Structure formats: structure tokens, C-alpha cells
Protein backbone atom coordinates (compact mmCIF):
# COMPACT_ATOMS: atom_id res chain seq x y z
CA MET A 1 -9.50 -0.82 18.53
CA LEU A 2 -6.44 1.12 17.28
CA LEU A 3 -5.43 2.03 20.89
CA ARG A 4 -5.75 -1.60 21.95
CA PHE A 5 -3.56 -2.64 18.96
CA LYS A 6 -0.90 -0.04 19.87
CA ARG A 7 -0.86 -1.18 23.48
CA SER A 8 -0.41 -4.77 22.33
CA ILE A 9 2.62 -3.79 20.24
CA VAL A 10 4.15 -1.83 23.13
CA VAL A 11 3.67 -4.72 25.54
CA SER A 12 5.32 -7.09 23.05
CA LEU A 13 8.26 -4.72 22.62
CA VAL A 14 8.70 -4.42 26.39
CA VAL A 15 8.69 -8.20 26.85
CA LEU A 16 11.10 -8.68 23.94
CA GLY A 17 13.39 -5.92 25.19
CA LEU A 18 13.50 -7.33 28.71
CA SER A 19 14.34 -10.76 27.34
CA LEU A 20 17.18 -9.44 25.18
CA LEU A 21 18.57 -7.36 28.03
CA MET A 22 18.51 -10.38 30.33
CA VAL A 23 20.48 -12.40 27.82
CA GLN A 24 22.97 -9.56 27.49
CA SER A 25 23.38 -9.44 31.30
CA ALA A 26 23.95 -13.19 31.48
CA TRP A 27 26.71 -12.97 28.86
CA SER A 28 28.50 -10.32 30.95
CA TYR A 29 29.15 -12.80 33.78
CA GLY A 30 32.13 -15.11 33.85
CA HIS A 31 34.15 -17.17 36.29
CA GLY A 32 37.31 -15.59 37.64
CA ASP A 33 40.74 -17.06 37.09
CA THR A 34 41.18 -17.93 40.78
CA LYS A 35 40.62 -21.12 42.75
CA TYR A 36 37.34 -19.56 43.87
CA SER A 37 35.57 -20.43 40.64
CA GLY A 38 33.35 -23.21 39.41
CA PHE A 39 31.16 -23.43 42.52
CA LYS A 40 27.40 -23.87 42.29
CA ASN A 41 26.61 -22.60 45.77
CA VAL A 42 28.19 -20.19 48.25
CA ILE A 43 27.27 -19.93 51.93
CA ILE A 44 28.55 -16.82 53.73
CA MET A 45 28.51 -17.08 57.52
CA ILE A 46 29.14 -14.17 59.92
CA PRO A 47 29.63 -14.51 63.68
CA ASP A 48 29.12 -10.80 64.26
CA GLY A 49 31.61 -9.15 66.59
CA CYS A 50 34.35 -11.57 67.67
CA ASP A 51 37.85 -12.91 67.05
CA GLU A 52 39.80 -16.07 67.88
CA THR A 53 39.44 -15.55 71.64
CA VAL A 54 35.81 -16.63 71.76
CA GLN A 55 36.71 -19.53 69.46
CA THR A 56 39.23 -20.62 72.09
CA VAL A 57 36.87 -20.15 75.04
CA ALA A 58 34.09 -21.99 73.19
CA ARG A 59 36.42 -24.91 72.47
CA TRP A 60 37.34 -25.26 76.17
CA TYR A 61 33.70 -24.81 77.20
CA LYS A 62 32.47 -27.48 74.78
CA GLY A 63 35.35 -29.83 75.57
CA GLU A 64 36.11 -30.65 71.94
CA ASP A 65 37.16 -29.06 68.67
CA LEU A 66 34.66 -26.82 66.94
CA GLN A 67 33.65 -27.01 63.30
CA VAL A 68 35.58 -23.81 62.53
CA ASP A 69 38.70 -25.45 64.02
CA LYS A 70 38.58 -27.98 61.19
CA MET A 71 38.38 -25.38 58.41
CA ASP A 72 41.21 -23.75 56.47
CA GLY A 73 42.21 -20.49 58.16
CA GLY A 74 43.22 -16.98 57.19
CA GLY A 75 42.91 -13.37 58.35
CA VAL A 76 40.89 -10.31 57.34
CA LYS A 77 41.49 -6.55 57.64
CA VAL A 78 38.36 -4.76 58.81
CA HIS A 79 38.80 -0.97 58.63
CA MET A 80 36.07 1.10 56.97
CA ALA A 81 36.28 4.28 54.89
CA ASN A 82 36.29 6.68 57.84
CA SER A 83 37.67 4.69 60.79
CA VAL A 84 40.14 1.94 61.64
CA ILE A 85 37.45 0.54 63.96
CA PRO A 86 34.44 -0.34 61.79
CA GLY A 87 30.71 -0.27 62.35
CA SER A 88 28.70 -3.31 61.35
CA ALA A 89 26.88 -1.65 58.43
CA ALA A 90 30.08 -0.47 56.75
CA ALA A 91 31.86 -3.76 57.44
CA ALA A 92 29.00 -5.78 55.96
CA THR A 93 28.82 -3.48 52.93
CA ALA A 94 32.50 -4.25 52.29
CA PHE A 95 32.10 -8.02 52.19
CA ALA A 96 28.67 -7.91 50.56
CA THR A 97 29.56 -5.54 47.71
CA GLY A 98 33.35 -5.24 47.54
CA HIS A 99 33.35 -1.53 48.47
CA LYS A 100 34.33 0.17 51.70
CA THR A 101 31.93 2.79 52.97
CA THR A 102 31.11 5.12 55.87
CA VAL A 103 29.77 4.20 59.31
CA ARG A 104 26.02 3.39 59.22
CA PHE A 105 25.90 3.24 55.38
CA LEU A 106 24.34 0.15 53.78
CA GLY A 107 25.13 -0.86 50.21
CA VAL A 108 26.13 2.63 49.06
CA GLY A 109 29.40 4.46 48.45
CA PRO A 110 31.04 6.51 51.23
CA ARG A 111 30.82 10.19 51.93
CA THR A 112 34.09 11.99 51.19
CA THR A 113 34.27 14.52 54.04
CA ASP A 114 35.94 12.28 56.63
CA LEU A 115 37.88 9.58 54.81
CA LEU A 116 40.85 7.85 56.42
CA THR A 117 44.21 9.31 55.44
CA GLY A 118 45.27 7.86 52.09
CA PHE A 119 41.97 6.09 51.45
CA THR A 120 40.53 6.32 47.91
CA PRO A 121 36.86 5.33 47.50
CA THR A 122 35.92 2.76 44.87
CA ALA A 123 32.27 3.83 44.66
CA GLU A 124 30.59 7.19 44.13
CA PRO A 125 29.28 8.91 47.28
CA TYR A 126 25.86 7.55 48.32
CA ALA A 127 25.53 5.59 45.05
CA PRO A 128 24.13 2.04 45.35
CA VAL A 129 26.50 -0.88 44.69
CA ALA A 130 25.23 -4.39 44.04
CA SER A 131 25.71 -7.17 46.57
CA VAL A 132 26.69 -10.76 45.88
CA ILE A 133 23.12 -11.79 46.71
CA GLU A 134 21.76 -9.40 44.07
CA ALA A 135 24.31 -10.67 41.55
CA ALA A 136 23.40 -14.27 42.34
CA LYS A 137 19.71 -13.50 41.91
CA ALA A 138 20.37 -11.83 38.55
CA ALA A 139 22.22 -14.98 37.46
CA GLY A 140 19.19 -17.15 38.20
CA LYS A 141 20.34 -18.51 41.55
CA SER A 142 18.18 -18.69 44.66
CA THR A 143 19.08 -16.39 47.54
CA GLY A 144 18.61 -16.44 51.29
CA ILE A 145 19.26 -14.44 54.45
CA VAL A 146 19.27 -15.86 57.98
CA SER A 147 19.95 -13.94 61.19
CA THR A 148 19.11 -14.01 64.89
CA SER A 149 18.55 -10.23 64.93
CA ARG A 150 15.89 -8.27 63.13
CA VAL A 151 16.52 -8.98 59.46
CA THR A 152 16.69 -5.20 59.05
CA HIS A 153 19.81 -5.10 61.23
CA ALA A 154 23.11 -3.98 59.72
CA THR A 155 24.67 -7.22 58.49
CA PRO A 156 21.67 -8.83 56.77
CA ALA A 157 20.54 -5.46 55.46
CA ALA A 158 23.84 -4.80 53.67
CA PHE A 159 23.19 -7.76 51.38
CA ALA A 160 19.80 -6.50 50.19
CA CYS A 161 19.54 -2.74 50.77
CA HIS A 162 20.94 0.57 49.58
CA ILE A 163 20.31 3.14 52.31
CA GLN A 164 22.45 5.81 53.96
CA ASP A 165 21.45 5.04 57.55
CA ARG A 166 21.18 1.62 59.17
CA GLY A 167 18.55 3.00 61.58
CA MET A 168 15.91 3.32 58.85
CA ASP A 169 14.36 -0.09 59.58
CA ASN A 170 11.09 0.56 57.74
CA GLU A 171 12.85 1.61 54.56
CA ILE A 172 15.30 -1.27 54.89
CA MET A 173 12.44 -3.76 55.22
CA GLU A 174 10.85 -2.36 52.05
CA HIS A 175 14.10 -2.91 50.16
CA MET A 176 14.33 -6.46 51.47
CA VAL A 177 10.76 -7.36 50.51
CA TYR A 178 11.03 -5.93 47.00
CA ASN A 179 14.46 -7.44 46.41
CA ASN A 180 12.72 -10.82 46.13
CA ILE A 181 14.99 -12.89 48.35
CA ASN A 182 13.73 -16.46 48.26
CA VAL A 183 14.21 -17.40 51.92
CA VAL A 184 14.41 -15.00 54.88
CA PHE A 185 14.60 -16.22 58.49
CA GLY A 186 15.11 -14.08 61.60
CA GLY A 187 13.27 -11.42 63.58
CA GLY A 188 11.74 -8.00 62.97
CA ALA A 189 8.14 -8.64 61.89
CA ARG A 190 7.03 -5.27 63.28
CA HIS A 191 8.60 -3.56 60.26
CA LEU A 192 6.33 -5.47 57.88
CA ILE A 193 3.16 -4.28 59.64
CA PRO A 194 1.54 -0.81 59.43
CA SER A 195 1.52 1.24 62.61
CA GLY A 196 -1.81 0.75 64.40
CA ASN A 197 -2.21 -2.77 63.02
CA THR A 198 -1.38 -5.99 64.84
CA TYR A 199 -0.49 -9.53 63.85
CA THR A 200 -1.62 -12.40 66.07
CA THR A 201 0.97 -15.15 66.12
CA THR A 202 0.29 -18.87 66.11
CA PHE A 203 1.47 -18.98 69.73
CA GLY A 204 -0.85 -16.20 70.92
CA ALA A 205 1.41 -13.13 70.99
CA GLU A 206 0.28 -9.81 69.51
CA TRP A 207 2.87 -8.03 67.38
CA GLY A 208 2.24 -4.35 66.78
CA GLY A 209 3.29 -2.67 63.56
CA LYS A 210 5.94 0.04 63.20
CA ARG A 211 5.46 1.13 59.59
CA THR A 212 4.53 4.79 59.17
CA ASP A 213 4.09 4.77 55.38
CA GLY A 214 0.76 2.88 55.41
CA GLU A 215 2.17 -0.11 53.55
CA ASP A 216 1.37 -3.68 54.59
CA LEU A 217 4.49 -5.53 53.52
CA MET A 218 3.31 -8.82 54.99
CA GLN A 219 0.43 -8.69 52.52
CA VAL A 220 2.87 -7.83 49.73
CA LEU A 221 4.80 -10.99 50.53
CA LEU A 222 1.65 -13.09 50.48
CA ASP A 223 0.56 -11.51 47.18
CA ARG A 224 3.97 -12.41 45.72
CA GLY A 225 3.50 -16.05 46.61
CA TYR A 226 5.55 -16.25 49.79
CA ARG A 227 4.58 -18.28 52.81
CA PHE A 228 4.95 -16.60 56.19
CA VAL A 229 5.75 -18.62 59.32
CA ASP A 230 6.34 -17.50 62.90
CA ASN A 231 7.32 -20.67 64.78
CA LYS A 232 9.88 -23.46 64.50
CA ASP A 233 7.32 -26.25 63.96
CA ASP A 234 5.78 -24.57 60.92
CA MET A 235 9.28 -23.81 59.62
CA ALA A 236 10.25 -27.47 60.00
CA GLU A 237 7.26 -28.54 57.87
CA LEU A 238 8.29 -26.38 54.90
CA THR A 239 9.32 -28.47 51.91
CA SER A 240 9.55 -26.02 49.01
CA GLY A 241 8.81 -22.52 47.78
CA ASN A 242 9.64 -18.98 48.84
CA VAL A 243 9.22 -18.17 52.53
CA TRP A 244 9.72 -15.53 55.19
CA GLY A 245 10.01 -16.85 58.72
CA LEU A 246 10.09 -14.10 61.36
CA PHE A 247 10.01 -15.46 64.89
CA ASP A 248 9.87 -12.23 66.88
CA ASP A 249 8.52 -8.76 66.29
CA SER A 250 12.03 -7.47 67.08
CA HIS A 251 15.16 -9.54 67.76
CA MET A 252 15.17 -13.26 68.47
CA GLN A 253 16.33 -14.48 71.88
CA PRO A 254 19.93 -15.38 72.75
CA ASP A 255 20.53 -19.07 72.21
CA MET A 256 20.64 -19.97 75.91
CA ASP A 257 17.63 -17.76 76.78
CA ARG A 258 15.28 -19.36 74.26
CA GLN A 259 14.26 -22.04 76.76
CA HIS A 260 13.14 -19.32 79.20
CA PHE A 261 11.44 -16.77 76.96
CA ALA A 262 10.74 -18.09 73.43
CA THR A 263 10.40 -21.85 73.07
CA HIS A 264 8.71 -21.33 69.68
CA GLU A 265 11.92 -19.99 68.13
CA PRO A 266 14.25 -22.21 66.06
CA SER A 267 18.00 -22.31 66.60
CA LEU A 268 20.40 -20.74 64.13
CA ALA A 269 21.45 -24.21 62.99
CA GLU A 270 17.81 -25.18 62.38
CA MET A 271 17.17 -22.03 60.34
CA THR A 272 20.37 -22.60 58.37
CA SER A 273 19.53 -26.23 57.59
CA LYS A 274 16.01 -25.37 56.46
CA ALA A 275 17.22 -22.46 54.32
CA ILE A 276 19.77 -24.72 52.62
CA GLU A 277 17.14 -27.42 52.06
CA LEU A 278 14.80 -24.96 50.33
CA LEU A 279 17.42 -23.06 48.33
CA ALA A 280 19.19 -26.21 47.10
CA GLN A 281 16.14 -27.15 45.04
CA ASN A 282 17.24 -24.62 42.41
CA ASP A 283 19.34 -26.47 39.83
CA ASN A 284 21.25 -23.22 39.18
CA GLY A 285 22.48 -23.11 42.78
CA PHE A 286 22.15 -20.55 45.55
CA CYS A 287 23.79 -17.84 47.63
CA LEU A 288 22.99 -17.80 51.36
CA MET A 289 24.10 -15.37 54.07
CA VAL A 290 23.85 -16.54 57.70
CA GLU A 291 24.59 -14.26 60.66
CA GLY A 292 25.06 -15.23 64.29
CA SER A 293 24.00 -11.72 65.20
CA GLN A 294 24.18 -11.82 68.96
CA VAL A 295 27.80 -12.83 69.43
CA ASP A 296 28.34 -9.11 68.94
CA TRP A 297 25.75 -8.08 71.50
CA ALA A 298 27.35 -10.36 74.06
CA GLY A 299 30.67 -8.65 73.40
CA HIS A 300 29.06 -5.23 73.87
CA ALA A 301 27.66 -6.49 77.16
CA ASN A 302 30.97 -8.07 78.27
CA ASP A 303 28.87 -11.18 78.96
CA PRO A 304 31.22 -14.20 78.70
CA VAL A 305 28.64 -16.99 78.76
CA TYR A 306 26.34 -15.21 76.29
CA MET A 307 29.24 -14.74 73.86
CA THR A 308 30.47 -18.30 74.28
CA ARG A 309 27.10 -19.98 73.92
CA ASP A 310 26.02 -17.89 70.92
CA PHE A 311 29.35 -18.62 69.21
CA ILE A 312 28.79 -22.34 69.78
CA ALA A 313 25.29 -21.93 68.30
CA PHE A 314 26.92 -20.24 65.31
CA ASP A 315 29.44 -23.06 65.03
CA ASP A 316 26.57 -25.57 64.98
CA ALA A 317 25.15 -23.66 62.00
CA VAL A 318 28.56 -23.76 60.30
CA LYS A 319 28.59 -27.53 60.78
CA ALA A 320 25.18 -27.77 59.08
CA ALA A 321 26.58 -25.82 56.11
CA CYS A 322 29.76 -27.92 55.94
CA ASP A 323 27.76 -31.16 56.18
CA PHE A 324 25.80 -29.99 53.13
CA ALA A 325 29.05 -29.10 51.37
CA ASP A 326 30.35 -32.62 52.04
CA GLN A 327 27.36 -34.05 50.19
CA ASN A 328 27.40 -31.32 47.51
CA PRO A 329 31.03 -30.68 46.48
CA GLY A 330 30.16 -27.60 44.42
CA THR A 331 29.54 -25.66 47.64
CA LEU A 332 31.92 -23.09 49.13
CA VAL A 333 31.51 -22.06 52.80
CA LEU A 334 33.11 -18.77 53.85
CA ALA A 335 32.92 -17.85 57.54
CA TYR A 336 34.37 -14.73 59.18
CA PRO A 337 33.48 -12.02 61.71
CA ASP A 338 32.84 -8.46 60.55
CA HIS A 339 34.97 -7.10 63.43
CA ASN A 340 35.70 -7.88 67.06
CA THR A 341 33.54 -6.54 69.89
CA GLY A 342 34.32 -6.10 73.58
CA GLY A 343 37.96 -7.15 73.29
CA MET A 344 37.42 -10.48 75.08
CA LYS A 345 40.69 -12.02 76.32
CA ILE A 346 41.66 -14.99 78.46
CA GLY A 347 43.42 -13.44 81.45
CA HIS A 348 43.17 -9.93 82.89
CA TYR A 349 44.68 -7.63 85.53
CA TYR A 350 42.34 -8.83 88.26
CA THR A 351 42.78 -12.59 87.78
CA ALA A 352 43.45 -14.07 91.23
CA MET A 353 45.70 -16.92 90.06
CA GLY A 354 49.04 -16.52 88.33
CA TYR A 355 48.50 -16.56 84.61
CA THR A 356 50.65 -19.63 84.10
CA GLU A 357 48.58 -21.46 86.72
CA THR A 358 45.21 -20.97 84.99
CA THR A 359 43.37 -24.30 84.75
CA ILE A 360 40.56 -25.41 82.47
CA GLU A 361 38.31 -25.27 85.51
CA ASP A 362 39.34 -21.67 86.24
CA LEU A 363 38.24 -20.72 82.74
CA VAL A 364 35.19 -22.89 82.25
CA ASP A 365 33.54 -23.58 85.60
CA PRO A 366 32.18 -20.06 86.23
CA LEU A 367 30.59 -20.10 82.76
CA LYS A 368 29.15 -23.59 83.22
CA GLY A 369 27.29 -22.36 86.29
CA MET A 370 25.54 -19.60 84.34
CA THR A 371 22.13 -20.70 83.02
CA ILE A 372 20.99 -17.48 81.40
CA THR A 373 22.49 -14.34 79.86
CA ALA A 374 22.93 -11.19 81.93
CA GLY A 375 20.07 -9.63 79.99
CA GLY A 376 17.87 -12.59 80.81
CA LEU A 377 18.98 -12.42 84.42
CA THR A 378 17.83 -8.81 84.72
CA ARG A 379 14.48 -9.77 83.19
CA MET A 380 14.14 -12.37 85.94
CA MET A 381 14.92 -9.67 88.53
CA GLY A 382 12.00 -7.54 87.37
CA SER A 383 11.78 -4.03 88.79
CA ASP A 384 13.50 -4.90 92.07
CA THR A 385 17.11 -3.80 91.59
CA SER A 386 17.96 -3.76 95.28
CA VAL A 387 21.28 -5.07 96.56
CA ALA A 388 19.49 -8.03 98.13
CA ASN A 389 17.74 -9.02 94.89
CA ILE A 390 20.92 -8.65 92.84
CA ILE A 391 22.69 -11.02 95.24
CA ALA A 392 19.80 -13.53 95.19
CA THR A 393 19.28 -13.52 91.41
CA ILE A 394 22.97 -13.90 90.56
CA SER A 395 23.18 -16.80 93.01
CA LEU A 396 20.06 -18.47 91.54
CA TYR A 397 20.83 -18.14 87.81
CA TRP A 398 24.63 -17.82 87.72
CA ASN A 399 25.58 -19.94 90.72
CA ILE A 400 27.98 -17.25 91.92
CA VAL A 401 27.89 -15.92 95.46
CA ILE A 402 28.54 -12.20 95.78
CA ASP A 403 28.39 -9.96 98.83
CA GLU A 404 26.82 -6.55 99.38
CA THR A 405 30.03 -4.79 98.39
CA GLU A 406 30.03 -6.44 94.96
CA ALA A 407 26.33 -5.83 94.46
CA GLN A 408 26.91 -2.15 95.23
CA GLU A 409 29.87 -2.17 92.82
CA ILE A 410 27.44 -3.29 90.09
CA LEU A 411 25.04 -0.45 90.89
CA ASP A 412 27.88 2.07 91.04
CA TYR A 413 29.27 0.96 87.67
CA ASP A 414 25.81 1.34 86.16
CA GLU A 415 25.44 4.84 87.60
CA GLU A 416 28.93 5.96 86.57
CA THR A 417 28.82 4.62 83.00
CA GLY A 418 25.13 4.52 82.13
CA ALA A 419 25.84 1.09 80.62
CA GLY A 420 22.67 -0.49 82.00
CA LEU A 421 22.24 -3.08 84.73
CA SER A 422 22.88 -6.17 82.57
CA TYR A 423 26.13 -4.71 81.18
CA SER A 424 27.16 -3.75 84.71
CA ILE A 425 26.52 -7.23 86.08
CA SER A 426 28.54 -8.84 83.28
CA HIS A 427 31.41 -6.41 83.68
CA VAL A 428 31.77 -6.77 87.44
CA ILE A 429 31.25 -10.56 87.53
CA SER A 430 33.76 -11.05 84.69
CA LYS A 431 36.33 -9.00 86.59
CA ASN A 432 35.81 -10.57 90.00
CA HIS A 433 34.83 -14.16 89.23
CA THR A 434 36.18 -15.25 85.84
CA ALA A 435 39.48 -15.53 83.95
CA ILE A 436 38.03 -13.45 81.10
CA GLY A 437 38.88 -9.79 80.58
CA TRP A 438 37.47 -7.07 78.33
CA THR A 439 38.79 -3.84 76.79
CA THR A 440 35.59 -2.03 75.80
CA HIS A 441 31.82 -2.10 75.47
CA GLY A 442 32.32 -1.11 71.83
CA HIS A 443 33.98 -2.54 68.73
CA ASN A 444 37.65 -3.30 68.15
CA GLY A 445 39.77 -2.77 65.04
CA GLU A 446 42.15 -5.74 64.87
CA THR A 447 42.38 -8.36 62.13
CA VAL A 448 39.74 -11.10 62.42
CA PRO A 449 39.86 -14.77 61.40
CA LEU A 450 38.67 -16.32 58.15
CA TRP A 451 37.46 -19.93 57.99
CA VAL A 452 37.03 -21.60 54.56
CA TYR A 453 35.48 -24.98 53.65
CA GLY A 454 35.49 -26.38 50.14
CA ALA A 455 38.71 -24.60 49.08
CA ASP A 456 41.98 -23.41 50.56
CA ALA A 457 41.98 -20.09 52.36
CA PRO A 458 43.95 -17.33 50.59
CA ALA A 459 47.53 -16.87 51.74
CA GLY A 460 48.28 -13.98 54.08
CA ILE A 461 45.92 -11.28 55.31
CA ILE A 462 43.23 -10.08 52.91
CA ASP A 463 40.95 -7.05 52.93
CA ASN A 464 37.28 -7.53 53.79
CA THR A 465 36.30 -6.21 50.35
CA GLU A 466 38.08 -9.20 48.81
CA LEU A 467 35.61 -11.52 50.55
CA ALA A 468 32.85 -10.19 48.30
CA LEU A 469 34.96 -10.81 45.21
CA MET A 470 35.81 -14.33 46.39
CA ALA A 471 32.12 -15.18 46.84
CA ALA A 472 31.20 -13.64 43.48
CA ASP A 473 34.03 -15.40 41.63
CA ALA A 474 33.10 -18.69 43.29
CA ILE A 475 29.64 -18.72 41.70
CA GLY A 476 30.60 -16.94 38.49
CA VAL A 477 28.96 -13.55 38.94
CA ASP A 478 30.34 -10.06 38.38
CA LEU A 479 29.56 -7.42 41.00
CA ALA A 480 30.63 -4.45 38.87
CA ALA A 481 28.53 -5.63 35.93
CA THR A 482 25.53 -6.20 38.19
CA THR A 483 25.86 -2.68 39.59
CA SER A 484 25.96 -1.30 36.04
CA ASP A 485 22.85 -3.29 35.13
CA LEU A 486 20.80 -2.49 38.24
CA TYR A 487 21.83 1.00 39.37
CA VAL A 488 22.30 3.72 36.76
CA ASP A 489 21.77 7.42 37.33
CA ALA A 490 18.30 8.19 35.99
CA ALA A 491 19.46 11.66 34.88
CA THR A 492 21.88 10.12 32.39
CA ALA A 493 19.90 7.00 31.48
CA ILE A 494 16.53 8.63 30.69
CA THR A 495 16.58 10.52 27.41
CA GLY A 496 13.55 12.68 28.14
CA THR A 497 12.47 14.62 31.19
CA PHE A 498 11.40 13.15 34.50
CA GLN A 499 10.59 14.30 38.01
CA LEU A 500 10.65 12.76 41.47
CA ASP A 501 7.22 13.35 42.98
CA LYS A 502 7.67 13.82 46.76
CA THR A 503 4.06 14.69 47.51
CA ASP A 504 4.12 11.74 49.89
CA PRO A 505 7.62 12.08 51.40
CA GLU A 506 7.62 8.46 52.58
CA ASN A 507 6.67 7.15 49.15
CA PRO A 508 8.39 9.24 46.44
CA VAL A 509 7.69 8.25 42.84
CA LEU A 510 9.74 8.81 39.68
CA LYS A 511 7.47 10.03 36.88
CA ALA A 512 8.57 10.13 33.24
CA GLY A 513 5.86 10.41 30.60
CA VAL A 514 3.35 7.64 31.32
CA SER A 515 5.87 5.64 33.38
CA GLU A 516 5.86 5.66 37.20
CA ILE A 517 8.44 3.95 39.39
CA PRO A 518 8.01 4.09 43.18
CA MET A 519 11.26 4.35 45.11
CA SER A 520 12.50 1.35 47.13
CA LYS A 521 10.47 -1.03 44.97
CA ASP A 522 10.99 -3.15 41.86
CA THR A 523 7.77 -2.20 40.07
CA MET A 524 6.71 0.13 37.26
CA LYS A 525 3.20 1.40 36.52
CA PHE A 526 1.80 3.30 33.55
CA THR A 527 -0.53 6.27 33.84
CA GLY A 528 -3.96 5.48 32.39
CA TRP A 529 -3.19 1.77 32.06
CA ASP A 530 -4.16 -0.95 34.49
CA TRP A 531 -0.76 -2.54 34.11
CA GLU A 532 2.19 -3.09 36.44
CA ILE A 533 5.44 -4.85 35.63
CA GLU A 534 8.20 -6.20 37.84
CA LEU A 535 11.70 -4.85 37.25
CA PRO A 536 14.99 -6.71 37.83
CA GLY A 537 16.16 -4.43 40.63
CA LEU A 538 15.16 -1.73 43.11
CA ALA A 539 14.68 1.94 42.37
CA VAL A 540 16.85 3.82 44.86
CA TYR A 541 16.76 7.48 45.87
CA ALA A 542 19.86 9.07 47.45
CA PRO A 543 18.57 12.22 49.20
CA GLU A 544 22.05 13.58 50.00
CA THR A 545 22.84 13.93 46.28
CA ASP A 546 19.21 14.16 45.13
CA THR A 547 19.91 11.31 42.71
CA VAL A 548 17.60 8.53 41.52
CA TYR A 549 19.06 5.18 40.48
CA ILE A 550 17.15 2.70 38.33
CA SER A 551 18.04 -0.39 36.33
CA GLU A 552 19.09 -0.22 32.68
CA LYS A 553 15.95 -2.19 31.86
CA ALA A 554 13.76 0.37 33.61
CA ALA A 555 15.45 3.18 31.69
CA TRP A 556 14.98 1.32 28.41
CA ILE A 557 11.25 0.95 29.03
CA ILE A 558 10.87 4.62 30.03
CA ASN A 559 12.69 5.73 26.88
CA LEU A 560 10.50 3.44 24.79
CA PHE A 561 7.38 5.21 26.04
CA ASN A 562 8.74 8.78 26.10
């Protein structure tokens, strides 16, 4: 009886303490003094890997102004901590958290061994820094992530994860699930499912799992009250509640290939509209990140029609966001690329016509004849990569007639560069049959455009880290305060002793007295008690510095029990 009474007192103290700490956190937030304050909602939209060139090509292709053409414009510097040409993970970390970091890092501070000359980090090495989505969630707003890639890919991951390598998809997915994002749409279901298990979709496909830690994260989502959908019709029927919609086990299809390979998938605009509809039901507002992921992949491939059509699909999603903002004036829409990719330009060394004689038809007609991406075209070719089949398939799906010499040029480029057949087709056809040139199969480092709706764009060129501060100020949240609340060094925050149990290396657990906190989760258990509580943020382990980060609330509870 006495033990039960003591437990009751402890539980009451924990609940009271959490309530008081939440009030304290709320008081620490405040609107900035800039024009980016007083907004209820912020929608952040990323056409990954592009600049104004694809905006121009898309405008000519569509034959009318785009939505982004009608928005207030600016420019953004994109360098990361260790290179003037950024990677997507570091770029996204900058505009998600307000801190520059190292290539491949997600939501953590940079390493210090290879910093750019003159660069001073604003975050500790490998230490987690809160994103605007985490700050919005802490302030009682709903949050959402939409992408056409796996949701564990670099850009979406930077808004919900704190991991030193973007390639750790399983760990990233665990962070995303336990970060309690209200709406998630995209691809990547395989990283929810344990290896050896399968999920049978509503349209008959079998998705095999990739998780090696034995955890069934799809079941975790269901246990937490989420709905899970895998097709556009079920997504369209959603009217309320928390939901994950993953429409492929890996990446979704390019916009123009969906009709050939994945008719069950929604468009980016459809996912954006549904996410807004669900998130807007929160009277406190919402923060939504939307990525047109595959604009970047098209740039890597030097595929002009892929890049143009996926940018138009992105622009359609921007229009959906701006239409909502028109009806809900407390909404700020911020759209910008993370960097450019491929170096797409109108005009190149091999253009047959004089550059001042280039017509709309010269630019647009070759693209209008293409009915599928280069990647889709090679899928249609199958295993037959002969000169004859290359000629026939390009004629059938791209309406371009090439001869044996050009077909051999494609094969030679593939052999010389190792770029792959689809990249090689795009490169050679762009050079010989279009007015579009390319500089690289990689990223570029120039300034990228900023498009703003609901407020004026800032004057001049801004740094990509300032985009995070603009979004946070707009909805009245404080990124630095959120980082202090959610991610403190356990060694300084816990008054007693603790250890990180690595018996299971894929599932390390912090143990302090009777308290147990598994890494990459938001839960705490108590030894000998059948009791688990949900914490306000993730527990994060940084192996490079052997440091554990937990929330102030978690530390307070541990110290209460120790």
C-alpha cells in the first residue's frame, strides 16, 4: 500500500512538472520585430536542385506565367560549412534550423576539420539543433512534411532528424516517426517495415522491409493513432486526424511517368492540398514543408523534359498553397531551391542556330515531343540496349530520330563516364537536339531564387540560414530556445550517474537509476514499473563525440527519480 502511495505521488509530481515546464517553454517564445511576424501558418516549399533557368523553360513550355512568377522575388546564398557547392542535407539543415553544417549532416552542427576559410560555426560539432517544424510542434501547431522522394531523403529529413549521415535511412525514419509529425506524404515505406516482413498494398504490390533493428514502425504509427494510406483515392477520402501516406516502398515516380508506372500515386499538388486541409483544422495554425524532390534528380540526369515537367508539378503545388493563403491571410508561403543542379542553361556550344535566332519552337518543341523521362525510357527498353533498340525507343517515346552514330555516342558516353544509360541518353539528346545546355551531373554553387507570398521578399541577397529565422519569426517561435528545451547534454543535465547501454548497438538505451530512455525515440520507461511516458522531443546520440542529448523535461524527470 505504501509503495502504491509513493508511486502515486511521483506520478503526480511528474505530471505537474511537465505542465509547469511546458508553460515555461511557451513563455520563452515571442514574435520577432520584422515583417515576418504575426502569421498563423507557414508553408515552406522546396524545388530541390534548380535556379531561374528551369523557371524560364517551364514558362515557355506551359505557354503562360507560372505561380512563382507572380510572387515577390529575392535571392539566397547556398554555401555550406565545408564547401561553396552544397549537398542537399547541409543545405536543408541551414534553412530548417538556421545553422550551416557539413555535407551529409542532418540537423546537427558541423565538424570542424574542414571548414571553409573564415567560416565560424554557430552550433557545436554533431550537436542537434531544433528545426522550425520542431519549434512549431512545441508551440502547439500542427506539422507536416510532403515530398516526392522517400521521406527519409535529405530535405524532408533535415526538418525532423538529427543524424550525422543522410544515408542512415532506417535511423532517419525512426526519428521521423517518433517526432510526431501530424501529416507525412511521400515515399519510402520500406524503412517502416522490418527486414524479412512484407506489406501488401491496396493495389496488390508487395513491399519488402529494410529495417535491421527488428522494429515495426508502421505498427508504432498505428498504435499512436495514425492512419496509413498507400494510394491517392484513400488519401483523397481523408477528412481529419494524423496520417502517413507513403505511396511507394522507395521513391515516388516522376510526375510525367506516373501515368506509365504508378497510377495509384497522387501528384505533388494533390498531396499539398490534402496536407493543408488536414493541418488547417488546428486553431493554433501549422507549419508545412513541401519538396518537389525530383527536379534535382532531373538536373543530375541532364534530362530537360523531366526537369521542366517536375518543376511545373512543383509550381502547381505552390499555387495550391497560395490559393489557401488567399483565403487565409495569416499564411506565409516561402518557396526556394536548396541549390542548383546540372547547370541547366538556354543555349549551348552545340546549338545549331545562332543564339539570337532561337525561337520558342526551337526551345519547346523537342520537349513537347517527349512523353516520358529518360529513366522511364530506359525502363521501356528493358535489357536490350542495342543500337537498334536505342534508336527505336527514342523515336517512339521522345519523337526524335537519331542515327546509328548518335546511338553509339550514347553508349560511348555511358562507358566513358559510368553515368548510366538514362543519363547518357539525356546528355547526348540535349546536346544534339535541344537548345538546352548543361555544366555538370552534380550540384552548382550559385545564388538561387526566393519566392514569397503573403509578405514582401527581403531586400538584397540573404543567407539560407536566414530562411529558417524568417519562418520561425513568422509564426512566433524561437529556434534557439527550442534547441535549449529539447537538446541538452545529458552529462551536464543529469545530476547523478547514467550510462548508455549499447548491448544492442542498433537500439542503445540511456539508463539512469530507474529511468530508461531509448535513443532516437521520445519515450521514457521505468525499471520495475509498467509505465511509459511520452517526452516532448527525441533522445539523440552523437557517436562521434559519444554524447547523449535529451530534453530538459527528460532530465528533470530523471533527476526527480535519482
